[in-house]
Amino acid sequence: MITTISFDADGTLWDFPSVMQEALSRTLLELLTLVPGSLAEALTVTDLQQTRDEVARTLRGNKVSLNSNPV
């Protein structure tokens, strides 16, 4: 259960790129457990990073509610 969320907008508290890489690695492992098969097996952390970067570019400057589907 998530009990705390912390934001580090200026990167002074932790090395965000390293933390994100670890999070994406763990996400990929979980995905492979939940969605076995060639599609999931073909994904890499780099693929997830590129998708994340694309979404960040697309949404940059936009207010997005976590209670709605912006897509």
C-alpha atoms as a PDB file:
ATOM      1  CA  MET A   1       0.000   0.000   0.000  1.00  0.00           C
ATOM      2  CA  ILE A   2       1.370   3.405  -0.978  1.00  0.00           C
ATOM      3  CA  THR A   3       1.386   5.694   2.049  1.00  0.00           C
ATOM      4  CA  THR A   4       3.552   8.585   0.878  1.00  0.00           C
ATOM      5  CA  ILE A   5       4.236  10.421  -2.357  1.00  0.00           C
ATOM      6  CA  SER A   6       7.149  12.844  -2.595  1.00  0.00           C
ATOM      7  CA  PHE A   7       7.911  15.335  -5.341  1.00  0.00           C
ATOM      8  CA  ASP A   8      11.428  16.543  -6.171  1.00  0.00           C
ATOM      9  CA  ALA A   9      10.879  19.057  -8.965  1.00  0.00           C
ATOM     10  CA  ASP A  10      14.439  20.353  -9.074  1.00  0.00           C
ATOM     11  CA  GLY A  11      16.285  17.042  -8.663  1.00  0.00           C
ATOM     12  CA  THR A  12      18.026  17.911  -5.400  1.00  0.00           C
ATOM     13  CA  LEU A  13      16.685  15.071  -3.243  1.00  0.00           C
ATOM     14  CA  TRP A  14      17.522  12.127  -5.475  1.00  0.00           C
ATOM     15  CA  ASP A  15      18.862  11.257  -8.906  1.00  0.00           C
ATOM     16  CA  PHE A  16      15.545  11.047 -10.750  1.00  0.00           C
ATOM     17  CA  PRO A  17      16.872   9.395 -13.950  1.00  0.00           C
ATOM     18  CA  SER A  18      18.401   6.533 -11.931  1.00  0.00           C
ATOM     19  CA  VAL A  19      15.273   6.126  -9.825  1.00  0.00           C
ATOM     20  CA  MET A  20      13.106   6.112 -12.958  1.00  0.00           C
ATOM     21  CA  GLN A  21      15.308   3.468 -14.623  1.00  0.00           C
ATOM     22  CA  GLU A  22      14.951   1.215 -11.578  1.00  0.00           C
ATOM     23  CA  ALA A  23      11.190   1.802 -11.505  1.00  0.00           C
ATOM     24  CA  LEU A  24      10.885   0.971 -15.206  1.00  0.00           C
ATOM     25  CA  SER A  25      12.955  -2.197 -14.714  1.00  0.00           C
ATOM     26  CA  ARG A  26      10.659  -3.332 -11.928  1.00  0.00           C
ATOM     27  CA  THR A  27       7.595  -2.386 -13.961  1.00  0.00           C
ATOM     28  CA  LEU A  28       8.828  -4.497 -16.860  1.00  0.00           C
ATOM     29  CA  LEU A  29       9.409  -7.492 -14.573  1.00  0.00           C
ATOM     30  CA  GLU A  30       5.872  -7.141 -13.204  1.00  0.00           C
ATOM     31  CA  LEU A  31       4.454  -6.799 -16.722  1.00  0.00           C
ATOM     32  CA  LEU A  32       6.208  -9.999 -17.790  1.00  0.00           C
ATOM     33  CA  THR A  33       4.606 -11.775 -14.834  1.00  0.00           C
ATOM     34  CA  LEU A  34       1.121 -10.446 -15.547  1.00  0.00           C
ATOM     35  CA  VAL A  35       1.192 -10.579 -19.356  1.00  0.00           C
ATOM     36  CA  PRO A  36       3.301 -13.530 -20.450  1.00  0.00           C
ATOM     37  CA  GLY A  37       4.029 -13.886 -24.127  1.00  0.00           C
ATOM     38  CA  SER A  38       6.053 -12.526 -26.993  1.00  0.00           C
ATOM     39  CA  LEU A  39       4.632  -8.983 -26.955  1.00  0.00           C
ATOM     40  CA  ALA A  40       5.675  -8.338 -23.365  1.00  0.00           C
ATOM     41  CA  GLU A  41       8.935 -10.245 -23.818  1.00  0.00           C
ATOM     42  CA  ALA A  42       9.863  -8.002 -26.748  1.00  0.00           C
ATOM     43  CA  LEU A  43       9.683  -4.867 -24.580  1.00  0.00           C
ATOM     44  CA  THR A  44      12.771  -3.334 -23.042  1.00  0.00           C
ATOM     45  CA  VAL A  45      13.353  -0.671 -20.420  1.00  0.00           C
ATOM     46  CA  THR A  46      14.438   1.576 -23.303  1.00  0.00           C
ATOM     47  CA  ASP A  47      11.027   1.061 -24.949  1.00  0.00           C
ATOM     48  CA  LEU A  48       9.280   2.044 -21.725  1.00  0.00           C
ATOM     49  CA  GLN A  49      11.574   5.071 -21.354  1.00  0.00           C
ATOM     50  CA  GLN A  50      10.842   6.217 -24.909  1.00  0.00           C
ATOM     51  CA  THR A  51       7.095   5.894 -24.338  1.00  0.00           C
ATOM     52  CA  ARG A  52       7.387   7.810 -21.060  1.00  0.00           C
ATOM     53  CA  ASP A  53       9.366  10.574 -22.777  1.00  0.00           C
ATOM     54  CA  GLU A  54       6.811  10.814 -25.600  1.00  0.00           C
ATOM     55  CA  VAL A  55       3.939  11.138 -23.125  1.00  0.00           C
ATOM     56  CA  ALA A  56       5.890  13.762 -21.163  1.00  0.00           C
ATOM     57  CA  ARG A  57       6.481  15.801 -24.341  1.00  0.00           C
ATOM     58  CA  THR A  58       2.831  15.505 -25.355  1.00  0.00           C
ATOM     59  CA  LEU A  59       1.500  16.562 -21.955  1.00  0.00           C
ATOM     60  CA  ARG A  60       4.132  19.195 -21.111  1.00  0.00           C
ATOM     61  CA  GLY A  61       2.415  22.386 -20.005  1.00  0.00           C
ATOM     62  CA  ASN A  62      -1.024  20.766 -19.723  1.00  0.00           C
ATOM     63  CA  LYS A  63      -2.934  20.296 -16.517  1.00  0.00           C
ATOM     64  CA  VAL A  64      -3.957  16.642 -16.235  1.00  0.00           C
ATOM     65  CA  SER A  65      -6.386  15.354 -13.636  1.00  0.00           C
ATOM     66  CA  LEU A  66      -5.731  11.913 -12.243  1.00  0.00           C
ATOM     67  CA  ASN A  67      -9.515  11.566 -11.991  1.00  0.00           C
ATOM     68  CA  SER A  68     -10.094  11.747 -15.735  1.00  0.00           C
ATOM     69  CA  ASN A  69      -8.841  10.079 -18.890  1.00  0.00           C
ATOM     70  CA  PRO A  70      -6.966  12.744 -20.917  1.00  0.00           C
ATOM     71  CA  VAL A  71      -6.557  10.483 -23.945  1.00  0.00           C
END
